[in-house]
N, C-alpha and C. Protein backbone atom coordinates (compact mmCIF):
# COMPACT_ATOMS: atom_id res chain seq x y z
N MET A 1 88.11 40.28 9.34
CA MET A 1 87.58 39.41 8.60
C MET A 1 86.77 38.27 8.95
N ALA A 2 87.15 37.61 10.23
CA ALA A 2 86.49 36.63 10.89
C ALA A 2 85.28 37.11 11.40
N ASN A 3 85.28 38.21 11.75
CA ASN A 3 83.97 39.04 12.17
C ASN A 3 82.85 38.95 11.06
N LEU A 4 83.28 39.36 10.14
CA LEU A 4 82.44 39.41 8.70
C LEU A 4 81.93 37.83 8.30
N VAL A 5 82.79 37.04 8.51
CA VAL A 5 82.31 35.80 8.33
C VAL A 5 81.34 35.17 9.20
N VAL A 6 81.41 35.35 10.65
CA VAL A 6 80.57 35.27 11.42
C VAL A 6 79.35 35.97 11.33
N SER A 7 79.31 37.13 10.97
CA SER A 7 78.21 38.23 10.79
C SER A 7 77.36 37.72 9.61
N VAL A 8 78.03 37.51 8.33
CA VAL A 8 77.30 36.64 7.38
C VAL A 8 76.48 35.63 7.61
N PHE A 9 77.16 34.48 8.55
CA PHE A 9 76.73 33.56 8.75
C PHE A 9 75.21 33.51 9.71
N ALA A 10 75.55 34.66 10.71
CA ALA A 10 74.52 35.01 11.65
C ALA A 10 73.15 35.36 10.95
N LEU A 11 73.57 36.32 10.06
CA LEU A 11 72.36 36.93 9.30
C LEU A 11 71.60 36.08 8.41
N ALA A 12 72.51 35.27 7.94
CA ALA A 12 71.85 33.98 7.04
C ALA A 12 70.98 33.23 7.88
N SER A 13 71.55 32.85 9.13
CA SER A 13 70.74 31.87 10.06
C SER A 13 69.40 32.53 10.62
N PHE A 14 69.56 34.08 10.77
CA PHE A 14 68.18 34.74 11.09
C PHE A 14 67.47 34.91 9.91
N LEU A 15 67.83 35.07 8.76
CA LEU A 15 66.72 35.23 7.54
C LEU A 15 66.22 33.67 7.66
N TRP A 16 66.90 32.63 7.70
CA TRP A 16 66.34 31.45 7.49
C TRP A 16 65.30 30.80 8.28
N VAL A 17 65.64 31.34 9.64
CA VAL A 17 64.63 31.17 10.86
C VAL A 17 63.35 32.07 10.64
N VAL A 18 63.42 33.31 10.20
CA VAL A 18 62.65 34.16 9.81
C VAL A 18 61.59 33.71 8.66
N VAL A 19 62.21 33.26 7.70
CA VAL A 19 61.42 32.60 6.41
C VAL A 19 60.86 31.47 6.78
N SER A 20 61.51 30.52 7.57
CA SER A 20 60.70 29.25 8.10
C SER A 20 59.72 29.40 8.85
N MET A 21 59.54 30.56 9.92
CA MET A 21 58.41 30.82 11.04
C MET A 21 57.33 31.47 10.02
N VAL A 22 57.76 32.36 8.99
CA VAL A 22 56.63 32.79 7.93
C VAL A 22 55.89 31.91 7.47
N GLN A 23 56.54 31.16 6.59
CA GLN A 23 56.00 29.92 6.03
C GLN A 23 55.10 29.06 6.97
N GLY A 24 55.66 28.62 8.10
CA GLY A 24 55.12 28.10 9.08
C GLY A 24 53.63 28.54 9.44
N SER A 25 53.49 29.88 9.62
CA SER A 25 52.41 30.58 10.00
C SER A 25 51.43 30.51 8.67
N LEU A 26 51.85 30.83 7.52
CA LEU A 26 50.75 31.04 6.24
C LEU A 26 50.15 29.53 5.86
N VAL A 27 50.93 28.47 6.37
CA VAL A 27 50.26 27.44 5.65
C VAL A 27 49.08 27.07 6.40
N PRO A 28 48.88 27.15 7.86
CA PRO A 28 47.62 26.72 8.61
C PRO A 28 46.35 28.24 8.03
N GLN A 29 47.07 29.19 7.76
CA GLN A 29 46.12 30.19 7.33
C GLN A 29 45.50 29.94 6.10
N PHE A 30 46.53 29.38 5.18
CA PHE A 30 45.86 28.69 3.70
C PHE A 30 44.66 27.54 4.21
N ASN A 31 45.08 26.67 4.69
CA ASN A 31 44.09 25.70 5.46
C ASN A 31 42.88 26.12 5.85
N ILE A 32 42.97 27.26 6.99
CA ILE A 32 41.74 27.67 7.42
C ILE A 32 40.94 28.53 6.39
N ALA A 33 41.41 29.04 5.61
CA ALA A 33 40.68 29.90 4.42
C ALA A 33 40.16 28.93 3.31
N GLY A 34 40.76 27.81 2.90
CA GLY A 34 40.12 26.70 2.08
C GLY A 34 39.10 26.24 3.04
N SER A 35 39.15 25.99 4.23
CA SER A 35 37.80 25.46 5.03
C SER A 35 36.76 26.28 5.17
N TRP A 36 37.00 27.69 5.43
CA TRP A 36 35.90 28.45 5.47
C TRP A 36 35.20 28.65 3.79
N LYS A 37 35.97 28.64 2.97
CA LYS A 37 35.45 28.54 1.51
C LYS A 37 34.55 27.38 1.45
N GLN A 38 35.02 26.37 1.87
CA GLN A 38 34.16 25.11 1.40
C GLN A 38 32.76 25.03 2.54
N MET A 39 33.04 25.73 3.67
CA MET A 39 31.68 25.75 4.68
C MET A 39 30.88 26.89 3.96
N ARG A 40 31.26 27.76 3.54
CA ARG A 40 30.50 28.69 2.84
C ARG A 40 29.57 27.92 1.61
N SER A 41 30.59 27.61 0.92
CA SER A 41 29.87 26.76 -0.08
C SER A 41 28.65 25.88 0.21
N VAL A 42 28.82 25.03 1.12
CA VAL A 42 27.92 24.14 1.60
C VAL A 42 26.65 24.80 2.42
N SER A 43 26.96 25.88 3.14
CA SER A 43 26.05 26.66 3.77
C SER A 43 24.95 27.36 2.72
N GLN A 44 25.50 27.84 1.35
CA GLN A 44 24.94 28.55 0.36
C GLN A 44 24.11 27.65 -0.41
N GLN A 45 24.87 26.11 -0.61
CA GLN A 45 23.99 25.09 -0.97
C GLN A 45 22.66 24.67 -0.06
N ALA A 46 22.89 24.54 1.24
CA ALA A 46 21.81 24.49 2.02
C ALA A 46 20.45 25.57 1.92
N ALA A 47 21.11 26.61 1.89
CA ALA A 47 20.03 27.90 1.85
C ALA A 47 19.22 27.75 0.53
N ARG A 48 19.83 26.99 -0.54
CA ARG A 48 18.93 26.95 -1.78
C ARG A 48 18.50 25.66 -1.76
N THR A 49 18.22 24.76 -0.60
CA THR A 49 17.47 23.55 -0.78
C THR A 49 16.36 23.49 0.18
N GLU A 50 15.15 23.20 -0.48
CA GLU A 50 13.88 23.15 0.36
C GLU A 50 13.35 21.81 0.17
N LEU A 51 12.71 21.35 1.00
CA LEU A 51 11.75 20.00 0.68
C LEU A 51 10.50 20.55 1.37
N GLY A 52 9.30 20.24 0.65
CA GLY A 52 7.86 20.16 1.20
C GLY A 52 7.08 19.07 1.09
N GLN A 53 6.37 18.87 2.16
CA GLN A 53 5.32 17.67 2.04
C GLN A 53 4.19 18.00 1.21
N VAL A 54 4.08 16.81 0.43
CA VAL A 54 3.04 16.80 -0.72
C VAL A 54 1.84 15.86 -0.10
N ASP A 55 2.42 14.45 0.32
CA ASP A 55 1.48 13.76 0.66
C ASP A 55 2.12 12.62 1.71
N LEU A 56 1.18 12.08 2.60
CA LEU A 56 1.55 11.09 3.32
C LEU A 56 0.40 9.93 3.72
N GLN A 57 0.84 8.86 3.63
CA GLN A 57 -0.14 7.83 3.91
C GLN A 57 0.34 6.68 4.71
N VAL A 58 -0.41 5.98 5.88
CA VAL A 58 -0.18 5.24 6.37
C VAL A 58 -0.81 3.87 6.19
N GLN A 59 0.06 2.58 5.90
CA GLN A 59 -0.87 1.48 5.37
C GLN A 59 -0.23 0.15 6.09
N SER A 60 -0.90 -1.02 5.98
CA SER A 60 -0.45 -2.43 6.40
C SER A 60 -0.35 -2.15 8.11
N SER A 61 -1.40 -1.81 8.48
CA SER A 61 -1.73 -1.89 10.12
C SER A 61 -0.44 -0.72 10.67
N GLY A 62 -0.18 0.04 10.02
CA GLY A 62 0.74 1.14 10.67
C GLY A 62 2.17 0.79 10.62
N ALA A 63 2.49 -0.38 9.71
CA ALA A 63 3.98 -0.48 9.66
C ALA A 63 4.64 0.07 8.51
N GLU A 64 3.61 0.47 7.49
CA GLU A 64 4.31 1.13 6.14
C GLU A 64 3.72 2.76 6.21
N VAL A 65 4.70 3.51 5.62
CA VAL A 65 4.39 5.02 5.61
C VAL A 65 5.10 5.31 4.31
N ARG A 66 4.28 5.93 3.60
CA ARG A 66 4.62 6.54 2.15
C ARG A 66 4.58 7.78 2.48
N LEU A 67 5.71 9.02 2.38
CA LEU A 67 5.94 10.40 2.24
C LEU A 67 6.19 10.66 0.84
N ALA A 68 5.71 11.73 0.42
CA ALA A 68 5.92 12.49 -0.63
C ALA A 68 6.12 13.57 -0.47
N ALA A 69 7.26 14.12 -1.03
CA ALA A 69 7.87 15.42 -0.62
C ALA A 69 8.21 15.96 -1.91
N GLY A 70 8.27 17.22 -2.05
CA GLY A 70 8.55 18.15 -3.14
C GLY A 70 9.93 18.93 -3.17
N ASN A 71 10.69 18.81 -3.99
CA ASN A 71 12.04 19.65 -4.06
C ASN A 71 11.45 21.00 -4.51
N THR A 72 11.36 21.78 -3.34
CA THR A 72 10.87 23.44 -3.84
C THR A 72 11.83 24.05 -3.77
N GLY A 73 13.16 23.77 -3.68
CA GLY A 73 14.47 24.58 -3.50
C GLY A 73 14.97 24.61 -4.95
N SER A 74 16.34 25.06 -5.43
CA SER A 74 16.92 25.04 -6.36
C SER A 74 18.04 24.31 -6.71
N VAL A 75 18.44 23.41 -5.74
CA VAL A 75 19.27 22.53 -5.92
C VAL A 75 18.80 21.03 -6.28
N SER A 76 19.44 20.60 -7.19
CA SER A 76 19.20 19.15 -7.36
C SER A 76 19.73 17.96 -6.28
N LEU A 77 18.91 17.03 -5.55
CA LEU A 77 19.27 16.30 -4.46
C LEU A 77 19.36 14.78 -5.14
N HIS A 78 20.78 14.33 -4.64
CA HIS A 78 20.82 12.67 -4.72
C HIS A 78 21.61 12.14 -3.65
N ASP A 79 22.36 11.35 -3.88
CA ASP A 79 23.30 10.60 -2.70
C ASP A 79 22.06 10.42 -1.45
N PHE A 80 21.05 9.37 -1.85
CA PHE A 80 20.07 9.12 -0.97
C PHE A 80 20.48 8.47 0.24
N GLY A 81 21.62 7.65 0.11
CA GLY A 81 22.07 6.97 1.02
C GLY A 81 22.91 7.79 2.11
N ASN A 82 23.26 9.07 1.84
CA ASN A 82 23.53 10.09 2.96
C ASN A 82 22.50 10.91 3.50
N TRP A 83 21.35 10.57 3.43
CA TRP A 83 19.97 11.12 3.86
C TRP A 83 19.77 10.39 5.32
N ASP A 84 18.98 10.96 6.30
CA ASP A 84 18.73 10.47 7.28
C ASP A 84 17.16 10.21 7.39
N VAL A 85 16.51 9.31 7.76
CA VAL A 85 14.90 9.13 8.12
C VAL A 85 14.95 8.81 9.58
N ILE A 86 14.24 9.44 10.22
CA ILE A 86 14.04 9.39 11.87
C ILE A 86 12.48 9.24 11.97
N ALA A 87 12.19 7.94 12.62
CA ALA A 87 10.70 7.99 12.86
C ALA A 87 10.68 8.05 14.41
N THR A 88 9.60 8.63 14.92
CA THR A 88 9.10 8.52 16.44
C THR A 88 7.75 8.66 16.38
N TYR A 89 7.19 7.38 17.12
CA TYR A 89 5.79 6.96 17.09
C TYR A 89 5.57 6.20 18.24
N ARG A 90 4.34 5.73 18.62
CA ARG A 90 4.08 4.61 19.66
C ARG A 90 3.80 3.56 19.13
N GLU A 91 4.16 2.30 19.84
CA GLU A 91 3.68 0.94 19.21
C GLU A 91 2.43 0.61 19.61
N SER A 92 1.76 1.33 20.79
CA SER A 92 0.52 0.93 21.20
C SER A 92 -0.27 2.12 21.46
N ALA A 93 -1.71 1.99 21.83
CA ALA A 93 -2.25 2.93 22.15
C ALA A 93 -2.18 3.49 23.65
N THR A 94 -1.88 2.49 24.45
CA THR A 94 -1.42 2.50 25.81
C THR A 94 0.15 2.90 26.33
N ALA A 95 0.91 2.89 25.35
CA ALA A 95 2.19 3.19 25.72
C ALA A 95 2.40 4.76 26.08
N THR A 96 3.14 4.81 26.95
CA THR A 96 3.58 5.86 27.42
C THR A 96 4.72 6.76 26.58
N ASP A 97 5.71 5.77 26.30
CA ASP A 97 6.86 6.26 25.62
C ASP A 97 6.64 5.98 24.25
N PHE A 98 7.59 6.94 23.51
CA PHE A 98 7.63 6.99 21.94
C PHE A 98 8.93 6.11 21.64
N LEU A 99 8.78 5.33 20.46
CA LEU A 99 9.86 4.65 19.91
C LEU A 99 10.43 5.64 19.06
N VAL A 100 11.86 5.86 18.85
CA VAL A 100 12.69 6.63 18.07
C VAL A 100 13.53 5.51 17.24
N ARG A 101 13.17 5.54 16.06
CA ARG A 101 13.95 4.88 15.00
C ARG A 101 14.74 5.61 13.95
N ARG A 102 16.09 5.44 13.75
CA ARG A 102 16.70 5.84 12.72
C ARG A 102 16.78 4.70 11.66
N LEU A 103 16.07 5.04 10.82
CA LEU A 103 16.11 3.96 9.83
C LEU A 103 16.96 4.00 8.84
N THR A 104 17.42 2.71 8.20
CA THR A 104 18.47 2.53 7.25
C THR A 104 17.88 2.44 5.80
N TYR A 105 18.87 3.18 5.13
CA TYR A 105 18.58 3.50 3.64
C TYR A 105 18.63 2.02 2.92
N THR A 106 17.99 1.52 2.02
CA THR A 106 18.29 0.56 1.01
C THR A 106 17.67 0.88 -0.16
N THR A 107 18.52 0.16 -1.36
CA THR A 107 18.22 0.33 -2.78
C THR A 107 17.21 -0.94 -3.28
N ALA A 108 16.88 -1.67 -2.17
CA ALA A 108 15.79 -2.72 -2.51
C ALA A 108 14.43 -2.08 -3.32
N ALA A 109 13.82 -2.78 -3.73
CA ALA A 109 12.38 -2.14 -4.21
C ALA A 109 11.42 -2.23 -3.10
N SER A 110 11.54 -3.16 -2.12
CA SER A 110 10.46 -2.96 -1.01
C SER A 110 11.54 -3.01 0.56
N PRO A 111 11.69 -1.86 1.32
CA PRO A 111 12.41 -2.00 2.56
C PRO A 111 11.99 -2.89 3.57
N GLY A 112 12.89 -3.42 4.06
CA GLY A 112 12.42 -4.27 5.24
C GLY A 112 12.52 -3.64 6.68
N ASP A 113 12.43 -4.33 7.70
CA ASP A 113 11.96 -3.82 8.75
C ASP A 113 12.95 -2.72 9.40
N ASN A 114 12.11 -1.50 9.56
CA ASN A 114 13.15 -0.23 10.13
C ASN A 114 14.17 0.00 9.35
N GLN A 115 13.59 0.15 7.79
CA GLN A 115 14.16 0.64 6.44
C GLN A 115 13.48 1.69 5.77
N TRP A 116 14.08 2.18 4.81
CA TRP A 116 13.37 3.12 4.04
C TRP A 116 14.08 3.16 2.95
N ALA A 117 13.18 3.50 1.63
CA ALA A 117 13.94 3.29 0.26
C ALA A 117 13.22 4.52 -0.44
N VAL A 118 13.74 4.71 -1.62
CA VAL A 118 13.02 5.60 -2.65
C VAL A 118 12.01 4.94 -3.45
N GLY A 119 10.97 5.27 -3.29
CA GLY A 119 9.83 4.61 -4.07
C GLY A 119 9.88 4.91 -5.41
N GLY A 120 10.34 6.23 -5.59
CA GLY A 120 10.14 6.62 -7.05
C GLY A 120 10.43 8.28 -7.21
N ILE A 121 10.88 9.09 -8.16
CA ILE A 121 10.88 10.14 -8.13
C ILE A 121 9.99 10.49 -9.43
N TYR A 122 9.06 11.53 -9.22
CA TYR A 122 7.89 12.05 -10.19
C TYR A 122 7.81 13.51 -10.44
N ARG A 123 7.26 13.77 -11.66
CA ARG A 123 6.87 15.17 -11.70
C ARG A 123 5.60 15.21 -10.53
N ASP A 124 4.56 14.27 -10.53
CA ASP A 124 3.57 14.45 -9.57
C ASP A 124 3.63 12.97 -9.05
N ALA A 125 3.98 13.04 -7.65
CA ALA A 125 3.88 11.81 -6.71
C ALA A 125 2.55 11.37 -6.50
N VAL A 126 1.59 11.98 -6.43
CA VAL A 126 0.26 11.51 -6.11
C VAL A 126 -0.21 10.83 -7.20
N LEU A 127 -0.21 11.60 -8.50
CA LEU A 127 -0.64 11.05 -9.87
C LEU A 127 0.18 9.67 -10.55
N ASN A 128 1.62 9.63 -9.76
CA ASN A 128 2.62 8.86 -10.41
C ASN A 128 2.95 9.25 -11.48
N THR A 129 3.16 10.44 -12.06
CA THR A 129 3.79 10.94 -13.20
C THR A 129 5.18 11.01 -13.17
N ASP A 130 5.92 10.06 -13.90
CA ASP A 130 7.45 9.84 -13.86
C ASP A 130 8.04 11.13 -14.16
N GLU A 131 9.37 11.14 -13.80
CA GLU A 131 10.02 12.24 -14.12
C GLU A 131 10.60 12.24 -15.43
N THR A 132 10.86 13.63 -16.00
CA THR A 132 11.36 13.46 -17.37
C THR A 132 12.80 13.53 -17.48
N PHE A 133 13.53 14.20 -16.75
CA PHE A 133 14.79 14.60 -16.85
C PHE A 133 15.57 14.14 -15.48
N ASP A 134 17.00 13.71 -15.92
CA ASP A 134 18.01 12.97 -14.94
C ASP A 134 17.26 12.25 -13.97
N PRO A 135 17.08 10.78 -14.72
CA PRO A 135 16.54 9.97 -13.69
C PRO A 135 17.27 9.79 -12.58
N GLY A 136 16.68 9.44 -11.25
CA GLY A 136 17.28 9.15 -10.13
C GLY A 136 18.07 10.37 -9.15
N ILE A 137 17.51 11.38 -9.99
CA ILE A 137 18.11 12.87 -9.30
C ILE A 137 16.85 13.50 -9.03
N LEU A 138 16.44 14.18 -7.83
CA LEU A 138 15.47 14.75 -7.33
C LEU A 138 15.70 16.26 -7.71
N ASP A 139 15.41 16.74 -9.15
CA ASP A 139 15.56 18.20 -9.45
C ASP A 139 14.48 19.04 -9.08
N PRO A 140 14.73 20.37 -9.15
CA PRO A 140 13.99 20.91 -8.43
C PRO A 140 12.37 21.05 -9.24
N GLY A 141 11.49 21.22 -8.40
CA GLY A 141 9.95 21.01 -9.04
C GLY A 141 9.40 19.53 -9.25
N GLU A 142 10.78 18.48 -9.04
CA GLU A 142 10.20 16.92 -8.80
C GLU A 142 9.74 16.54 -7.46
N GLN A 143 9.21 15.72 -7.44
CA GLN A 143 8.71 15.01 -5.89
C GLN A 143 9.12 13.79 -5.96
N ILE A 144 9.64 13.03 -4.80
CA ILE A 144 10.11 11.80 -4.41
C ILE A 144 9.09 11.15 -3.21
N ALA A 145 8.72 10.06 -3.73
CA ALA A 145 8.00 9.04 -2.87
C ALA A 145 8.92 8.22 -1.82
N LEU A 146 9.10 8.43 -0.54
CA LEU A 146 9.80 7.47 0.52
C LEU A 146 8.97 6.29 0.94
N GLN A 147 9.41 5.17 0.79
CA GLN A 147 8.59 4.28 1.39
C GLN A 147 9.37 3.76 2.94
N VAL A 148 8.68 3.92 3.98
CA VAL A 148 9.33 3.53 5.34
C VAL A 148 8.64 2.14 5.76
N ARG A 149 9.40 1.44 6.48
CA ARG A 149 8.94 0.38 6.97
C ARG A 149 9.08 0.09 8.45
N LEU A 150 8.36 0.32 9.42
CA LEU A 150 8.49 0.30 10.67
C LEU A 150 8.13 -0.94 11.58
N SER A 151 9.06 -1.15 12.37
CA SER A 151 8.63 -2.69 13.16
C SER A 151 9.20 -2.35 14.74
N PRO A 152 8.31 -2.52 15.53
CA PRO A 152 6.87 -2.79 15.38
C PRO A 152 6.31 -1.47 14.81
N GLY A 153 4.96 -1.70 14.06
CA GLY A 153 4.09 -0.76 13.39
C GLY A 153 3.92 0.20 14.28
N SER A 154 3.22 1.49 13.81
CA SER A 154 2.73 2.39 14.94
C SER A 154 1.12 1.94 15.28
N ALA A 155 0.65 2.42 16.37
CA ALA A 155 -0.37 1.99 16.94
C ALA A 155 -1.58 3.05 16.25
N THR A 156 -2.86 2.44 16.23
CA THR A 156 -3.91 3.11 15.75
C THR A 156 -4.41 4.33 16.76
N SER A 157 -4.72 5.29 16.12
CA SER A 157 -5.33 6.59 16.80
C SER A 157 -4.18 7.31 17.46
N THR A 158 -3.02 6.91 17.12
CA THR A 158 -2.02 7.71 17.83
C THR A 158 -1.10 8.47 16.62
N VAL A 159 -0.42 9.68 16.88
CA VAL A 159 0.43 10.42 16.08
C VAL A 159 1.82 10.12 16.00
N GLY A 160 2.53 9.98 14.92
CA GLY A 160 4.04 9.83 14.73
C GLY A 160 4.46 10.95 13.95
N GLN A 161 5.94 10.74 13.86
CA GLN A 161 6.36 12.17 13.13
C GLN A 161 7.50 11.28 12.23
N LEU A 162 7.96 11.77 11.11
CA LEU A 162 8.84 11.33 10.39
C LEU A 162 9.81 12.64 10.11
N VAL A 163 11.11 12.57 10.16
CA VAL A 163 12.13 13.64 9.77
C VAL A 163 13.06 13.12 8.84
N VAL A 164 13.12 13.94 7.72
CA VAL A 164 13.90 13.58 6.60
C VAL A 164 14.85 14.63 6.62
N ALA A 165 15.99 14.16 6.50
CA ALA A 165 17.27 15.10 6.32
C ALA A 165 18.02 14.91 5.30
N THR A 166 18.19 15.86 4.28
CA THR A 166 19.15 15.46 3.35
C THR A 166 20.68 15.38 3.50
N GLU A 167 21.50 15.34 2.52
CA GLU A 167 22.77 15.19 2.85
C GLU A 167 23.65 16.46 3.22
N ASN A 168 23.10 17.69 2.66
CA ASN A 168 23.51 18.90 3.20
C ASN A 168 22.76 19.40 4.48
N GLY A 169 21.93 18.68 5.17
CA GLY A 169 21.47 19.10 6.53
C GLY A 169 20.07 19.75 6.55
N VAL A 170 19.62 19.85 5.30
CA VAL A 170 18.25 20.58 5.20
C VAL A 170 17.03 19.61 5.61
N THR A 171 16.24 19.91 6.58
CA THR A 171 15.13 18.87 7.15
C THR A 171 13.69 18.95 6.71
N LEU A 172 12.89 17.88 6.76
CA LEU A 172 11.58 18.04 6.30
C LEU A 172 10.93 17.14 7.50
N SER A 173 9.85 17.59 8.14
CA SER A 173 9.35 16.88 9.30
C SER A 173 7.94 16.92 9.15
N ALA A 174 7.40 15.60 8.99
CA ALA A 174 6.08 15.33 8.82
C ALA A 174 5.16 14.65 9.53
N GLN A 175 3.91 14.91 10.42
CA GLN A 175 3.27 13.99 11.07
C GLN A 175 2.32 13.08 10.28
N PHE A 176 2.23 11.89 11.15
CA PHE A 176 1.09 10.98 10.76
C PHE A 176 0.56 10.51 11.68
N THR A 177 -0.72 9.90 11.39
CA THR A 177 -1.60 9.11 12.24
C THR A 177 -1.97 8.20 11.53
N HIS A 178 -2.03 6.96 12.32
CA HIS A 178 -2.54 5.57 11.85
C HIS A 178 -3.75 5.27 12.54
């Protein structure tokens, strides 16, 4: 009888250890599966996102750049504060090195030095035809005007580049000449 009690206790302990180990190994598997699902969702959204350059103008002695870009994908874009804008340019015609600036987003109507802002969202940014649906959201088929202020400004007769990256990692690269 004593052997039976010891055997039942040993079997119960063994089963408890096995169940604990199985449960401990399944939880990380569920976490990994959830991460893969989220990663797949983000990559699918990025695959449906596309920006195309519409217009680019350099003004104010090279200190201001206006980039109009169209949403040619099928995903509505917003959260402009999570976008990145990087400018690469020369501050003088004799400079051998490029300045590289990661510009700060601002909601102000006019950006300050080394800042960028959304100048507006339009059906046609060149003609300034206002958007119709979802104000403040860049829907497919609409265009966005980005206002960029560089300090110091870009040099005359030099080439610069703006790179815009959306929150899901899709980029647009545009070259400008002042």
